[in-house]
Amino acid sequence: MCNLIEIPLHDLQTLWGYGWVNRKIIHSDPTTNKKIIYYLNKGIMDERLAGKKKYLRSFGLMKPISIMIDDLEEFYQHFATLNMEKIESGSYHSNLYGEIQYQNYYVENEKELLDYVQGL
């Protein structure tokens, strides 16, 4: 997945050079995001991948932001004011942190959430 502008498929295949290229233009919405999450999570717990990188990101894309939230009550109060839709939730076991629970949301105005989180 990438955020490239329209580039002819032949040019993408030449630039990539690591096998076949499939291209489909999509627009972000809860249903599409849920499908992408499902696709990316397939096989993520495969023992053969333990300790290895599972995804690569394109150069030039922003790195994900990871934060630890001290005041969860305040965060969830602000979080509830955003126009969002829960896509999925679940849990998994981490050898380092134990049982991890997660929730994925589609947020209509991600800039507002990003500004709030960066201010923490």
PDB file of N, CA and C in Angstrom:
ATOM      1  N   MET A   1       0.859  -1.170   0.000  1.00  0.00           N
ATOM      2  CA  MET A   1       0.000   0.000   0.000  1.00  0.00           C
ATOM      3  C   MET A   1       0.896   1.220   0.000  1.00  0.00           C
ATOM      4  N   CYS A   2       0.469   2.211  -0.715  1.00  0.00           N
ATOM      5  CA  CYS A   2       1.262   3.427  -0.789  1.00  0.00           C
ATOM      6  C   CYS A   2       0.364   4.601  -1.154  1.00  0.00           C
ATOM      7  N   ASN A   3       0.941   5.770  -1.103  1.00  0.00           N
ATOM      8  CA  ASN A   3       0.198   6.977  -1.427  1.00  0.00           C
ATOM      9  C   ASN A   3       0.765   7.636  -2.682  1.00  0.00           C
ATOM     10  N   LEU A   4       0.987   6.852  -3.715  1.00  0.00           N
ATOM     11  CA  LEU A   4       1.532   7.370  -4.961  1.00  0.00           C
ATOM     12  C   LEU A   4       0.452   8.017  -5.806  1.00  0.00           C
ATOM     13  N   ILE A   5       0.865   8.999  -6.569  1.00  0.00           N
ATOM     14  CA  ILE A   5      -0.043   9.565  -7.552  1.00  0.00           C
ATOM     15  C   ILE A   5      -0.114   8.596  -8.725  1.00  0.00           C
ATOM     16  N   GLU A   6      -0.944   8.882  -9.698  1.00  0.00           N
ATOM     17  CA  GLU A   6      -1.130   7.995 -10.839  1.00  0.00           C
ATOM     18  C   GLU A   6       0.188   7.789 -11.591  1.00  0.00           C
ATOM     19  N   ILE A   7       0.671   6.574 -11.608  1.00  0.00           N
ATOM     20  CA  ILE A   7       1.873   6.176 -12.333  1.00  0.00           C
ATOM     21  C   ILE A   7       1.489   4.970 -13.180  1.00  0.00           C
ATOM     22  N   PRO A   8       1.864   4.955 -14.454  1.00  0.00           N
ATOM     23  CA  PRO A   8       1.522   3.798 -15.293  1.00  0.00           C
ATOM     24  C   PRO A   8       2.015   2.487 -14.672  1.00  0.00           C
ATOM     25  N   LEU A   9       1.202   1.430 -14.775  1.00  0.00           N
ATOM     26  CA  LEU A   9       1.519   0.135 -14.177  1.00  0.00           C
ATOM     27  C   LEU A   9       2.880  -0.378 -14.632  1.00  0.00           C
ATOM     28  N   HIS A  10       3.199  -0.228 -15.897  1.00  0.00           N
ATOM     29  CA  HIS A  10       4.489  -0.697 -16.411  1.00  0.00           C
ATOM     30  C   HIS A  10       5.649  -0.006 -15.679  1.00  0.00           C
ATOM     31  N   ASP A  11       5.518   1.309 -15.435  1.00  0.00           N
ATOM     32  CA  ASP A  11       6.555   2.051 -14.720  1.00  0.00           C
ATOM     33  C   ASP A  11       6.689   1.556 -13.281  1.00  0.00           C
ATOM     34  N   LEU A  12       5.562   1.259 -12.626  1.00  0.00           N
ATOM     35  CA  LEU A  12       5.609   0.722 -11.262  1.00  0.00           C
ATOM     36  C   LEU A  12       6.334  -0.623 -11.233  1.00  0.00           C
ATOM     37  N   GLN A  13       6.031  -1.488 -12.179  1.00  0.00           N
ATOM     38  CA  GLN A  13       6.675  -2.804 -12.236  1.00  0.00           C
ATOM     39  C   GLN A  13       8.183  -2.658 -12.438  1.00  0.00           C
ATOM     40  N   THR A  14       8.578  -1.717 -13.279  1.00  0.00           N
ATOM     41  CA  THR A  14      10.005  -1.473 -13.525  1.00  0.00           C
ATOM     42  C   THR A  14      10.680  -0.936 -12.265  1.00  0.00           C
ATOM     43  N   LEU A  15      10.032   0.022 -11.596  1.00  0.00           N
ATOM     44  CA  LEU A  15      10.599   0.607 -10.383  1.00  0.00           C
ATOM     45  C   LEU A  15      10.695  -0.402  -9.247  1.00  0.00           C
ATOM     46  N   TRP A  16       9.658  -1.241  -9.091  1.00  0.00           N
ATOM     47  CA  TRP A  16       9.610  -2.182  -7.974  1.00  0.00           C
ATOM     48  C   TRP A  16      10.685  -3.242  -8.114  1.00  0.00           C
ATOM     49  N   GLY A  17      10.693  -3.975  -9.187  1.00  0.00           N
ATOM     50  CA  GLY A  17      11.753  -4.938  -9.453  1.00  0.00           C
ATOM     51  C   GLY A  17      11.811  -6.162  -8.557  1.00  0.00           C
ATOM     52  N   TYR A  18      10.821  -6.388  -7.689  1.00  0.00           N
ATOM     53  CA  TYR A  18      10.841  -7.532  -6.774  1.00  0.00           C
ATOM     54  C   TYR A  18       9.712  -8.508  -7.068  1.00  0.00           C
ATOM     55  N   GLY A  19       9.216  -8.567  -8.276  1.00  0.00           N
ATOM     56  CA  GLY A  19       8.104  -9.455  -8.604  1.00  0.00           C
ATOM     57  C   GLY A  19       6.949  -8.665  -9.161  1.00  0.00           C
ATOM     58  N   TRP A  20       5.757  -9.240  -9.061  1.00  0.00           N
ATOM     59  CA  TRP A  20       4.581  -8.624  -9.680  1.00  0.00           C
ATOM     60  C   TRP A  20       4.067  -7.442  -8.855  1.00  0.00           C
ATOM     61  N   VAL A  21       3.324  -6.587  -9.520  1.00  0.00           N
ATOM     62  CA  VAL A  21       2.735  -5.397  -8.910  1.00  0.00           C
ATOM     63  C   VAL A  21       1.235  -5.436  -9.158  1.00  0.00           C
ATOM     64  N   ASN A  22       0.461  -5.181  -8.127  1.00  0.00           N
ATOM     65  CA  ASN A  22      -0.991  -5.076  -8.249  1.00  0.00           C
ATOM     66  C   ASN A  22      -1.373  -3.685  -7.770  1.00  0.00           C
ATOM     67  N   ARG A  23      -2.229  -3.025  -8.520  1.00  0.00           N
ATOM     68  CA  ARG A  23      -2.575  -1.658  -8.160  1.00  0.00           C
ATOM     69  C   ARG A  23      -4.095  -1.500  -8.162  1.00  0.00           C
ATOM     70  N   LYS A  24      -4.581  -0.864  -7.107  1.00  0.00           N
ATOM     71  CA  LYS A  24      -6.000  -0.548  -7.018  1.00  0.00           C
ATOM     72  C   LYS A  24      -6.122   0.741  -6.219  1.00  0.00           C
ATOM     73  N   ILE A  25      -6.830   1.698  -6.766  1.00  0.00           N
ATOM     74  CA  ILE A  25      -7.036   2.968  -6.069  1.00  0.00           C
ATOM     75  C   ILE A  25      -8.229   2.795  -5.130  1.00  0.00           C
ATOM     76  N   ILE A  26      -8.012   3.082  -3.859  1.00  0.00           N
ATOM     77  CA  ILE A  26      -9.074   2.954  -2.867  1.00  0.00           C
ATOM     78  C   ILE A  26      -9.223   4.277  -2.125  1.00  0.00           C
ATOM     79  N   HIS A  27     -10.345   4.449  -1.505  1.00  0.00           N
ATOM     80  CA  HIS A  27     -10.610   5.618  -0.679  1.00  0.00           C
ATOM     81  C   HIS A  27     -10.864   5.135   0.739  1.00  0.00           C
ATOM     82  N   SER A  28     -10.319   5.850   1.700  1.00  0.00           N
ATOM     83  CA  SER A  28     -10.417   5.445   3.092  1.00  0.00           C
ATOM     84  C   SER A  28     -11.852   5.571   3.605  1.00  0.00           C
ATOM     85  N   ASP A  29     -12.369   4.457   4.107  1.00  0.00           N
ATOM     86  CA  ASP A  29     -13.652   4.436   4.797  1.00  0.00           C
ATOM     87  C   ASP A  29     -13.623   3.226   5.734  1.00  0.00           C
ATOM     88  N   PRO A  30     -14.540   3.147   6.696  1.00  0.00           N
ATOM     89  CA  PRO A  30     -14.476   2.052   7.678  1.00  0.00           C
ATOM     90  C   PRO A  30     -14.463   0.665   7.049  1.00  0.00           C
ATOM     91  N   THR A  31     -15.276   0.420   6.035  1.00  0.00           N
ATOM     92  CA  THR A  31     -15.350  -0.915   5.439  1.00  0.00           C
ATOM     93  C   THR A  31     -14.047  -1.272   4.744  1.00  0.00           C
ATOM     94  N   THR A  32     -13.517  -0.364   3.951  1.00  0.00           N
ATOM     95  CA  THR A  32     -12.255  -0.624   3.249  1.00  0.00           C
ATOM     96  C   THR A  32     -11.115  -0.806   4.241  1.00  0.00           C
ATOM     97  N   ASN A  33     -11.067   0.036   5.266  1.00  0.00           N
ATOM     98  CA  ASN A  33     -10.003  -0.089   6.264  1.00  0.00           C
ATOM     99  C   ASN A  33     -10.073  -1.432   6.982  1.00  0.00           C
ATOM    100  N   LYS A  34     -11.280  -1.923   7.251  1.00  0.00           N
ATOM    101  CA  LYS A  34     -11.426  -3.214   7.914  1.00  0.00           C
ATOM    102  C   LYS A  34     -10.875  -4.329   7.027  1.00  0.00           C
ATOM    103  N   LYS A  35     -11.137  -4.257   5.721  1.00  0.00           N
ATOM    104  CA  LYS A  35     -10.613  -5.256   4.794  1.00  0.00           C
ATOM    105  C   LYS A  35      -9.087  -5.218   4.758  1.00  0.00           C
ATOM    106  N   ILE A  36      -8.517  -4.022   4.767  1.00  0.00           N
ATOM    107  CA  ILE A  36      -7.056  -3.885   4.741  1.00  0.00           C
ATOM    108  C   ILE A  36      -6.447  -4.461   6.021  1.00  0.00           C
ATOM    109  N   ILE A  37      -7.060  -4.158   7.161  1.00  0.00           N
ATOM    110  CA  ILE A  37      -6.570  -4.690   8.440  1.00  0.00           C
ATOM    111  C   ILE A  37      -6.610  -6.216   8.432  1.00  0.00           C
ATOM    112  N   TYR A  38      -7.701  -6.786   7.935  1.00  0.00           N
ATOM    113  CA  TYR A  38      -7.820  -8.244   7.863  1.00  0.00           C
ATOM    114  C   TYR A  38      -6.697  -8.818   7.007  1.00  0.00           C
ATOM    115  N   TYR A  39      -6.457  -8.204   5.844  1.00  0.00           N
ATOM    116  CA  TYR A  39      -5.415  -8.683   4.939  1.00  0.00           C
ATOM    117  C   TYR A  39      -4.037  -8.612   5.599  1.00  0.00           C
ATOM    118  N   LEU A  40      -3.742  -7.492   6.267  1.00  0.00           N
ATOM    119  CA  LEU A  40      -2.436  -7.317   6.895  1.00  0.00           C
ATOM    120  C   LEU A  40      -2.238  -8.247   8.090  1.00  0.00           C
ATOM    121  N   ASN A  41      -3.319  -8.601   8.772  1.00  0.00           N
ATOM    122  CA  ASN A  41      -3.215  -9.471   9.950  1.00  0.00           C
ATOM    123  C   ASN A  41      -3.130 -10.953   9.606  1.00  0.00           C
ATOM    124  N   LYS A  42      -3.456 -11.316   8.365  1.00  0.00           N
ATOM    125  CA  LYS A  42      -3.396 -12.728   7.983  1.00  0.00           C
ATOM    126  C   LYS A  42      -1.977 -13.247   8.191  1.00  0.00           C
ATOM    127  N   GLY A  43      -1.844 -14.282   8.953  1.00  0.00           N
ATOM    128  CA  GLY A  43      -0.547 -14.920   9.145  1.00  0.00           C
ATOM    129  C   GLY A  43       0.412 -14.179  10.054  1.00  0.00           C
ATOM    130  N   ILE A  44      -0.030 -13.110  10.703  1.00  0.00           N
ATOM    131  CA  ILE A  44       0.877 -12.300  11.516  1.00  0.00           C
ATOM    132  C   ILE A  44       1.450 -13.106  12.693  1.00  0.00           C
ATOM    133  N   MET A  45       0.696 -14.092  13.175  1.00  0.00           N
ATOM    134  CA  MET A  45       1.162 -14.881  14.309  1.00  0.00           C
ATOM    135  C   MET A  45       1.891 -16.148  13.865  1.00  0.00           C
ATOM    136  N   ASP A  46       2.182 -16.286  12.591  1.00  0.00           N
ATOM    137  CA  ASP A  46       2.906 -17.446  12.072  1.00  0.00           C
ATOM    138  C   ASP A  46       4.250 -17.554  12.791  1.00  0.00           C
ATOM    139  N   GLU A  47       4.540 -18.713  13.378  1.00  0.00           N
ATOM    140  CA  GLU A  47       5.764 -18.901  14.162  1.00  0.00           C
ATOM    141  C   GLU A  47       7.021 -18.648  13.332  1.00  0.00           C
ATOM    142  N   ARG A  48       6.945 -18.867  12.030  1.00  0.00           N
ATOM    143  CA  ARG A  48       8.115 -18.649  11.172  1.00  0.00           C
ATOM    144  C   ARG A  48       8.497 -17.176  11.095  1.00  0.00           C
ATOM    145  N   LEU A  49       7.583 -16.286  11.461  1.00  0.00           N
ATOM    146  CA  LEU A  49       7.846 -14.849  11.400  1.00  0.00           C
ATOM    147  C   LEU A  49       8.286 -14.273  12.744  1.00  0.00           C
ATOM    148  N   ALA A  50       8.357 -15.109  13.771  1.00  0.00           N
ATOM    149  CA  ALA A  50       8.707 -14.633  15.112  1.00  0.00           C
ATOM    150  C   ALA A  50      10.053 -13.909  15.093  1.00  0.00           C
ATOM    151  N   GLY A  51      10.069 -12.698  15.612  1.00  0.00           N
ATOM    152  CA  GLY A  51      11.297 -11.912  15.698  1.00  0.00           C
ATOM    153  C   GLY A  51      11.729 -11.279  14.395  1.00  0.00           C
ATOM    154  N   LYS A  52      10.915 -11.366  13.358  1.00  0.00           N
ATOM    155  CA  LYS A  52      11.274 -10.798  12.057  1.00  0.00           C
ATOM    156  C   LYS A  52      10.322  -9.663  11.701  1.00  0.00           C
ATOM    157  N   LYS A  53      10.790  -8.776  10.830  1.00  0.00           N
ATOM    158  CA  LYS A  53       9.927  -7.702  10.337  1.00  0.00           C
ATOM    159  C   LYS A  53       8.801  -8.314   9.533  1.00  0.00           C
ATOM    160  N   LYS A  54       7.617  -7.826   9.763  1.00  0.00           N
ATOM    161  CA  LYS A  54       6.460  -8.350   9.044  1.00  0.00           C
ATOM    162  C   LYS A  54       5.997  -7.407   7.949  1.00  0.00           C
ATOM    163  N   TYR A  55       6.345  -6.141   8.073  1.00  0.00           N
ATOM    164  CA  TYR A  55       5.947  -5.139   7.088  1.00  0.00           C
ATOM    165  C   TYR A  55       7.115  -4.202   6.829  1.00  0.00           C
ATOM    166  N   LEU A  56       7.176  -3.702   5.636  1.00  0.00           N
ATOM    167  CA  LEU A  56       8.127  -2.656   5.278  1.00  0.00           C
ATOM    168  C   LEU A  56       7.325  -1.425   4.892  1.00  0.00           C
ATOM    169  N   ARG A  57       7.849  -0.263   5.133  1.00  0.00           N
ATOM    170  CA  ARG A  57       7.151   0.940   4.726  1.00  0.00           C
ATOM    171  C   ARG A  57       7.946   1.613   3.628  1.00  0.00           C
ATOM    172  N   SER A  58       7.253   2.313   2.787  1.00  0.00           N
ATOM    173  CA  SER A  58       7.897   3.043   1.704  1.00  0.00           C
ATOM    174  C   SER A  58       8.683   4.217   2.280  1.00  0.00           C
ATOM    175  N   PHE A  59       9.778   4.538   1.621  1.00  0.00           N
ATOM    176  CA  PHE A  59      10.550   5.700   2.032  1.00  0.00           C
ATOM    177  C   PHE A  59       9.705   6.954   1.834  1.00  0.00           C
ATOM    178  N   GLY A  60       9.856   7.917   2.721  1.00  0.00           N
ATOM    179  CA  GLY A  60       9.131   9.170   2.598  1.00  0.00           C
ATOM    180  C   GLY A  60       7.816   9.191   3.354  1.00  0.00           C
ATOM    181  N   LEU A  61       7.322   8.029   3.811  1.00  0.00           N
ATOM    182  CA  LEU A  61       6.097   8.014   4.597  1.00  0.00           C
ATOM    183  C   LEU A  61       6.429   8.293   6.050  1.00  0.00           C
ATOM    184  N   MET A  62       5.510   8.927   6.753  1.00  0.00           N
ATOM    185  CA  MET A  62       5.730   9.214   8.160  1.00  0.00           C
ATOM    186  C   MET A  62       5.711   7.915   8.954  1.00  0.00           C
ATOM    187  N   LYS A  63       6.571   7.819   9.960  1.00  0.00           N
ATOM    188  CA  LYS A  63       6.598   6.653  10.836  1.00  0.00           C
ATOM    189  C   LYS A  63       5.402   6.728  11.782  1.00  0.00           C
ATOM    190  N   PRO A  64       4.868   5.572  12.181  1.00  0.00           N
ATOM    191  CA  PRO A  64       3.758   5.586  13.143  1.00  0.00           C
ATOM    192  C   PRO A  64       4.193   6.203  14.471  1.00  0.00           C
ATOM    193  N   ILE A  65       3.236   6.786  15.149  1.00  0.00           N
ATOM    194  CA  ILE A  65       3.493   7.392  16.452  1.00  0.00           C
ATOM    195  C   ILE A  65       3.018   6.426  17.530  1.00  0.00           C
ATOM    196  N   SER A  66       3.887   6.103  18.468  1.00  0.00           N
ATOM    197  CA  SER A  66       3.514   5.261  19.602  1.00  0.00           C
ATOM    198  C   SER A  66       3.657   6.094  20.867  1.00  0.00           C
ATOM    199  N   ILE A  67       2.624   6.091  21.682  1.00  0.00           N
ATOM    200  CA  ILE A  67       2.663   6.856  22.922  1.00  0.00           C
ATOM    201  C   ILE A  67       2.107   5.998  24.057  1.00  0.00           C
ATOM    202  N   MET A  68       2.527   6.319  25.256  1.00  0.00           N
ATOM    203  CA  MET A  68       1.961   5.717  26.450  1.00  0.00           C
ATOM    204  C   MET A  68       1.089   6.793  27.090  1.00  0.00           C
ATOM    205  N   ILE A  69      -0.145   6.462  27.382  1.00  0.00           N
ATOM    206  CA  ILE A  69      -1.094   7.431  27.929  1.00  0.00           C
ATOM    207  C   ILE A  69      -1.217   7.207  29.424  1.00  0.00           C
ATOM    208  N   ASP A  70      -0.945   8.264  30.186  1.00  0.00           N
ATOM    209  CA  ASP A  70      -0.992   8.171  31.640  1.00  0.00           C
ATOM    210  C   ASP A  70      -2.417   8.292  32.173  1.00  0.00           C
ATOM    211  N   ASP A  71      -3.188   9.225  31.631  1.00  0.00           N
ATOM    212  CA  ASP A  71      -4.542   9.476  32.110  1.00  0.00           C
ATOM    213  C   ASP A  71      -5.549   8.946  31.084  1.00  0.00           C
ATOM    214  N   LEU A  72      -5.881   7.654  31.196  1.00  0.00           N
ATOM    215  CA  LEU A  72      -6.779   7.028  30.229  1.00  0.00           C
ATOM    216  C   LEU A  72      -8.177   7.633  30.260  1.00  0.00           C
ATOM    217  N   GLU A  73      -8.643   8.015  31.433  1.00  0.00           N
ATOM    218  CA  GLU A  73      -9.988   8.584  31.548  1.00  0.00           C
ATOM    219  C   GLU A  73     -10.099   9.867  30.724  1.00  0.00           C
ATOM    220  N   GLU A  74      -9.110  10.758  30.857  1.00  0.00           N
ATOM    221  CA  GLU A  74      -9.112  12.003  30.079  1.00  0.00           C
ATOM    222  C   GLU A  74      -9.027  11.707  28.584  1.00  0.00           C
ATOM    223  N   PHE A  75      -8.159  10.760  28.216  1.00  0.00           N
ATOM    224  CA  PHE A  75      -8.012  10.405  26.798  1.00  0.00           C
ATOM    225  C   PHE A  75      -9.334   9.894  26.230  1.00  0.00           C
ATOM    226  N   TYR A  76      -9.995   8.979  26.918  1.00  0.00           N
ATOM    227  CA  TYR A  76     -11.250   8.425  26.419  1.00  0.00           C
ATOM    228  C   TYR A  76     -12.368   9.465  26.383  1.00  0.00           C
ATOM    229  N   GLN A  77     -12.358  10.427  27.310  1.00  0.00           N
ATOM    230  CA  GLN A  77     -13.350  11.501  27.249  1.00  0.00           C
ATOM    231  C   GLN A  77     -13.172  12.324  25.973  1.00  0.00           C
ATOM    232  N   HIS A  78     -11.931  12.653  25.654  1.00  0.00           N
ATOM    233  CA  HIS A  78     -11.670  13.394  24.413  1.00  0.00           C
ATOM    234  C   HIS A  78     -11.963  12.518  23.199  1.00  0.00           C
ATOM    235  N   PHE A  79     -11.568  11.280  23.274  1.00  0.00           N
ATOM    236  CA  PHE A  79     -11.759  10.318  22.183  1.00  0.00           C
ATOM    237  C   PHE A  79     -13.242  10.188  21.830  1.00  0.00           C
ATOM    238  N   ALA A  80     -14.103  10.233  22.837  1.00  0.00           N
ATOM    239  CA  ALA A  80     -15.543  10.075  22.624  1.00  0.00           C
ATOM    240  C   ALA A  80     -16.157  11.250  21.875  1.00  0.00           C
ATOM    241  N   THR A  81     -15.468  12.397  21.853  1.00  0.00           N
ATOM    242  CA  THR A  81     -16.013  13.564  21.152  1.00  0.00           C
ATOM    243  C   THR A  81     -15.753  13.516  19.642  1.00  0.00           C
ATOM    244  N   LEU A  82     -14.902  12.601  19.194  1.00  0.00           N
ATOM    245  CA  LEU A  82     -14.552  12.527  17.776  1.00  0.00           C
ATOM    246  C   LEU A  82     -15.571  11.703  17.009  1.00  0.00           C
ATOM    247  N   ASN A  83     -15.756  12.050  15.742  1.00  0.00           N
ATOM    248  CA  ASN A  83     -16.637  11.279  14.865  1.00  0.00           C
ATOM    249  C   ASN A  83     -15.850  10.060  14.388  1.00  0.00           C
ATOM    250  N   MET A  84     -16.146   8.892  14.957  1.00  0.00           N
ATOM    251  CA  MET A  84     -15.351   7.705  14.656  1.00  0.00           C
ATOM    252  C   MET A  84     -16.221   6.462  14.651  1.00  0.00           C
ATOM    253  N   GLU A  85     -15.666   5.411  14.085  1.00  0.00           N
ATOM    254  CA  GLU A  85     -16.367   4.130  14.036  1.00  0.00           C
ATOM    255  C   GLU A  85     -15.380   3.024  14.365  1.00  0.00           C
ATOM    256  N   LYS A  86     -15.756   2.165  15.313  1.00  0.00           N
ATOM    257  CA  LYS A  86     -14.884   1.055  15.676  1.00  0.00           C
ATOM    258  C   LYS A  86     -14.867   0.045  14.533  1.00  0.00           C
ATOM    259  N   ILE A  87     -13.675  -0.334  14.095  1.00  0.00           N
ATOM    260  CA  ILE A  87     -13.523  -1.292  13.008  1.00  0.00           C
ATOM    261  C   ILE A  87     -13.348  -2.696  13.559  1.00  0.00           C
ATOM    262  N   GLU A  88     -12.488  -2.841  14.554  1.00  0.00           N
ATOM    263  CA  GLU A  88     -12.265  -4.152  15.150  1.00  0.00           C
ATOM    264  C   GLU A  88     -11.615  -3.992  16.513  1.00  0.00           C
ATOM    265  N   SER A  89     -11.645  -5.061  17.287  1.00  0.00           N
ATOM    266  CA  SER A  89     -10.934  -5.100  18.554  1.00  0.00           C
ATOM    267  C   SER A  89     -10.542  -6.543  18.811  1.00  0.00           C
ATOM    268  N   GLY A  90      -9.599  -6.718  19.675  1.00  0.00           N
ATOM    269  CA  GLY A  90      -9.146  -8.074  19.978  1.00  0.00           C
ATOM    270  C   GLY A  90      -8.029  -8.037  20.991  1.00  0.00           C
ATOM    271  N   SER A  91      -7.356  -9.159  21.117  1.00  0.00           N
ATOM    272  CA  SER A  91      -6.227  -9.243  22.037  1.00  0.00           C
ATOM    273  C   SER A  91      -5.246 -10.279  21.513  1.00  0.00           C
ATOM    274  N   TYR A  92      -4.029 -10.177  21.994  1.00  0.00           N
ATOM    275  CA  TYR A  92      -2.994 -11.148  21.659  1.00  0.00           C
ATOM    276  C   TYR A  92      -1.986 -11.176  22.799  1.00  0.00           C
ATOM    277  N   HIS A  93      -1.153 -12.191  22.804  1.00  0.00           N
ATOM    278  CA  HIS A  93      -0.162 -12.334  23.865  1.00  0.00           C
ATOM    279  C   HIS A  93       1.199 -11.854  23.373  1.00  0.00           C
ATOM    280  N   SER A  94       1.849 -11.030  24.173  1.00  0.00           N
ATOM    281  CA  SER A  94       3.203 -10.560  23.899  1.00  0.00           C
ATOM    282  C   SER A  94       4.119 -11.127  24.972  1.00  0.00           C
ATOM    283  N   ASN A  95       5.227 -11.716  24.573  1.00  0.00           N
ATOM    284  CA  ASN A  95       6.175 -12.246  25.559  1.00  0.00           C
ATOM    285  C   ASN A  95       6.744 -11.140  26.437  1.00  0.00           C
ATOM    286  N   LEU A  96       6.811  -9.920  25.911  1.00  0.00           N
ATOM    287  CA  LEU A  96       7.364  -8.799  26.662  1.00  0.00           C
ATOM    288  C   LEU A  96       6.334  -8.147  27.570  1.00  0.00           C
ATOM    289  N   TYR A  97       5.088  -7.956  27.082  1.00  0.00           N
ATOM    290  CA  TYR A  97       4.082  -7.192  27.822  1.00  0.00           C
ATOM    291  C   TYR A  97       2.904  -8.015  28.330  1.00  0.00           C
ATOM    292  N   GLY A  98       2.846  -9.293  28.022  1.00  0.00           N
ATOM    293  CA  GLY A  98       1.717 -10.118  28.458  1.00  0.00           C
ATOM    294  C   GLY A  98       0.537  -9.966  27.514  1.00  0.00           C
ATOM    295  N   GLU A  99      -0.668  -9.983  28.074  1.00  0.00           N
ATOM    296  CA  GLU A  99      -1.886  -9.893  27.259  1.00  0.00           C
ATOM    297  C   GLU A  99      -2.101  -8.450  26.801  1.00  0.00           C
ATOM    298  N   ILE A 100      -2.198  -8.251  25.500  1.00  0.00           N
ATOM    299  CA  ILE A 100      -2.386  -6.926  24.904  1.00  0.00           C
ATOM    300  C   ILE A 100      -3.788  -6.862  24.317  1.00  0.00           C
ATOM    301  N   GLN A 101      -4.531  -5.832  24.684  1.00  0.00           N
ATOM    302  CA  GLN A 101      -5.847  -5.600  24.089  1.00  0.00           C
ATOM    303  C   GLN A 101      -5.738  -4.399  23.169  1.00  0.00           C
ATOM    304  N   TYR A 102      -6.403  -4.457  22.024  1.00  0.00           N
ATOM    305  CA  TYR A 102      -6.342  -3.358  21.076  1.00  0.00           C
ATOM    306  C   TYR A 102      -7.714  -3.094  20.474  1.00  0.00           C
ATOM    307  N   GLN A 103      -7.868  -1.880  19.965  1.00  0.00           N
ATOM    308  CA  GLN A 103      -9.077  -1.474  19.247  1.00  0.00           C
ATOM    309  C   GLN A 103      -8.637  -0.621  18.071  1.00  0.00           C
ATOM    310  N   ASN A 104      -9.200  -0.867  16.900  1.00  0.00           N
ATOM    311  CA  ASN A 104      -8.928  -0.070  15.712  1.00  0.00           C
ATOM    312  C   ASN A 104     -10.172   0.728  15.368  1.00  0.00           C
ATOM    313  N   TYR A 105      -9.976   2.023  15.136  1.00  0.00           N
ATOM    314  CA  TYR A 105     -11.082   2.922  14.826  1.00  0.00           C
ATOM    315  C   TYR A 105     -10.826   3.633  13.507  1.00  0.00           C
ATOM    316  N   TYR A 106     -11.905   3.951  12.827  1.00  0.00           N
ATOM    317  CA  TYR A 106     -11.858   4.861  11.682  1.00  0.00           C
ATOM    318  C   TYR A 106     -12.270   6.215  12.223  1.00  0.00           C
ATOM    319  N   VAL A 107     -11.376   7.203  12.116  1.00  0.00           N
ATOM    320  CA  VAL A 107     -11.634   8.537  12.637  1.00  0.00           C
ATOM    321  C   VAL A 107     -11.822   9.483  11.462  1.00  0.00           C
ATOM    322  N   GLU A 108     -12.957  10.151  11.452  1.00  0.00           N
ATOM    323  CA  GLU A 108     -13.293  11.062  10.346  1.00  0.00           C
ATOM    324  C   GLU A 108     -12.292  12.217  10.260  1.00  0.00           C
ATOM    325  N   ASN A 109     -11.972  12.834  11.404  1.00  0.00           N
ATOM    326  CA  ASN A 109     -11.052  13.967  11.423  1.00  0.00           C
ATOM    327  C   ASN A 109      -9.786  13.557  12.167  1.00  0.00           C
ATOM    328  N   GLU A 110      -8.896  12.855  11.463  1.00  0.00           N
ATOM    329  CA  GLU A 110      -7.690  12.343  12.114  1.00  0.00           C
ATOM    330  C   GLU A 110      -6.751  13.460  12.562  1.00  0.00           C
ATOM    331  N   LYS A 111      -6.791  14.623  11.920  1.00  0.00           N
ATOM    332  CA  LYS A 111      -5.914  15.728  12.316  1.00  0.00           C
ATOM    333  C   LYS A 111      -6.222  16.189  13.729  1.00  0.00           C
ATOM    334  N   GLU A 112      -7.500  16.255  14.076  1.00  0.00           N
ATOM    335  CA  GLU A 112      -7.885  16.664  15.437  1.00  0.00           C
ATOM    336  C   GLU A 112      -7.326  15.681  16.468  1.00  0.00           C
ATOM    337  N   LEU A 113      -7.444  14.384  16.196  1.00  0.00           N
ATOM    338  CA  LEU A 113      -6.916  13.375  17.111  1.00  0.00           C
ATOM    339  C   LEU A 113      -5.396  13.449  17.168  1.00  0.00           C
ATOM    340  N   LEU A 114      -4.748  13.595  16.025  1.00  0.00           N
ATOM    341  CA  LEU A 114      -3.298  13.677  15.989  1.00  0.00           C
ATOM    342  C   LEU A 114      -2.792  14.885  16.771  1.00  0.00           C
ATOM    343  N   ASP A 115      -3.434  16.031  16.608  1.00  0.00           N
ATOM    344  CA  ASP A 115      -3.048  17.233  17.360  1.00  0.00           C
ATOM    345  C   ASP A 115      -3.178  17.005  18.860  1.00  0.00           C
ATOM    346  N   TYR A 116      -4.270  16.361  19.269  1.00  0.00           N
ATOM    347  CA  TYR A 116      -4.489  16.087  20.694  1.00  0.00           C
ATOM    348  C   TYR A 116      -3.413  15.140  21.236  1.00  0.00           C
ATOM    349  N   VAL A 117      -3.146  14.066  20.508  1.00  0.00           N
ATOM    350  CA  VAL A 117      -2.183  13.059  20.977  1.00  0.00           C
ATOM    351  C   VAL A 117      -0.781  13.644  21.027  1.00  0.00           C
ATOM    352  N   GLN A 118      -0.418  14.452  20.046  1.00  0.00           N
ATOM    353  CA  GLN A 118       0.922  15.052  20.050  1.00  0.00           C
ATOM    354  C   GLN A 118       1.094  16.043  21.199  1.00  0.00           C
ATOM    355  N   GLY A 119      -0.009  16.567  21.713  1.00  0.00           N
ATOM    356  CA  GLY A 119       0.051  17.476  22.851  1.00  0.00           C
ATOM    357  C   GLY A 119       0.173  16.771  24.186  1.00  0.00           C
ATOM    358  N   LEU A 120       0.051  15.471  24.215  1.00  0.00           N
ATOM    359  CA  LEU A 120       0.152  14.723  25.482  1.00  0.00           C
ATOM    360  C   LEU A 120       1.556  14.696  26.003  1.00  0.00           C
TER     361      LEU A 120
END
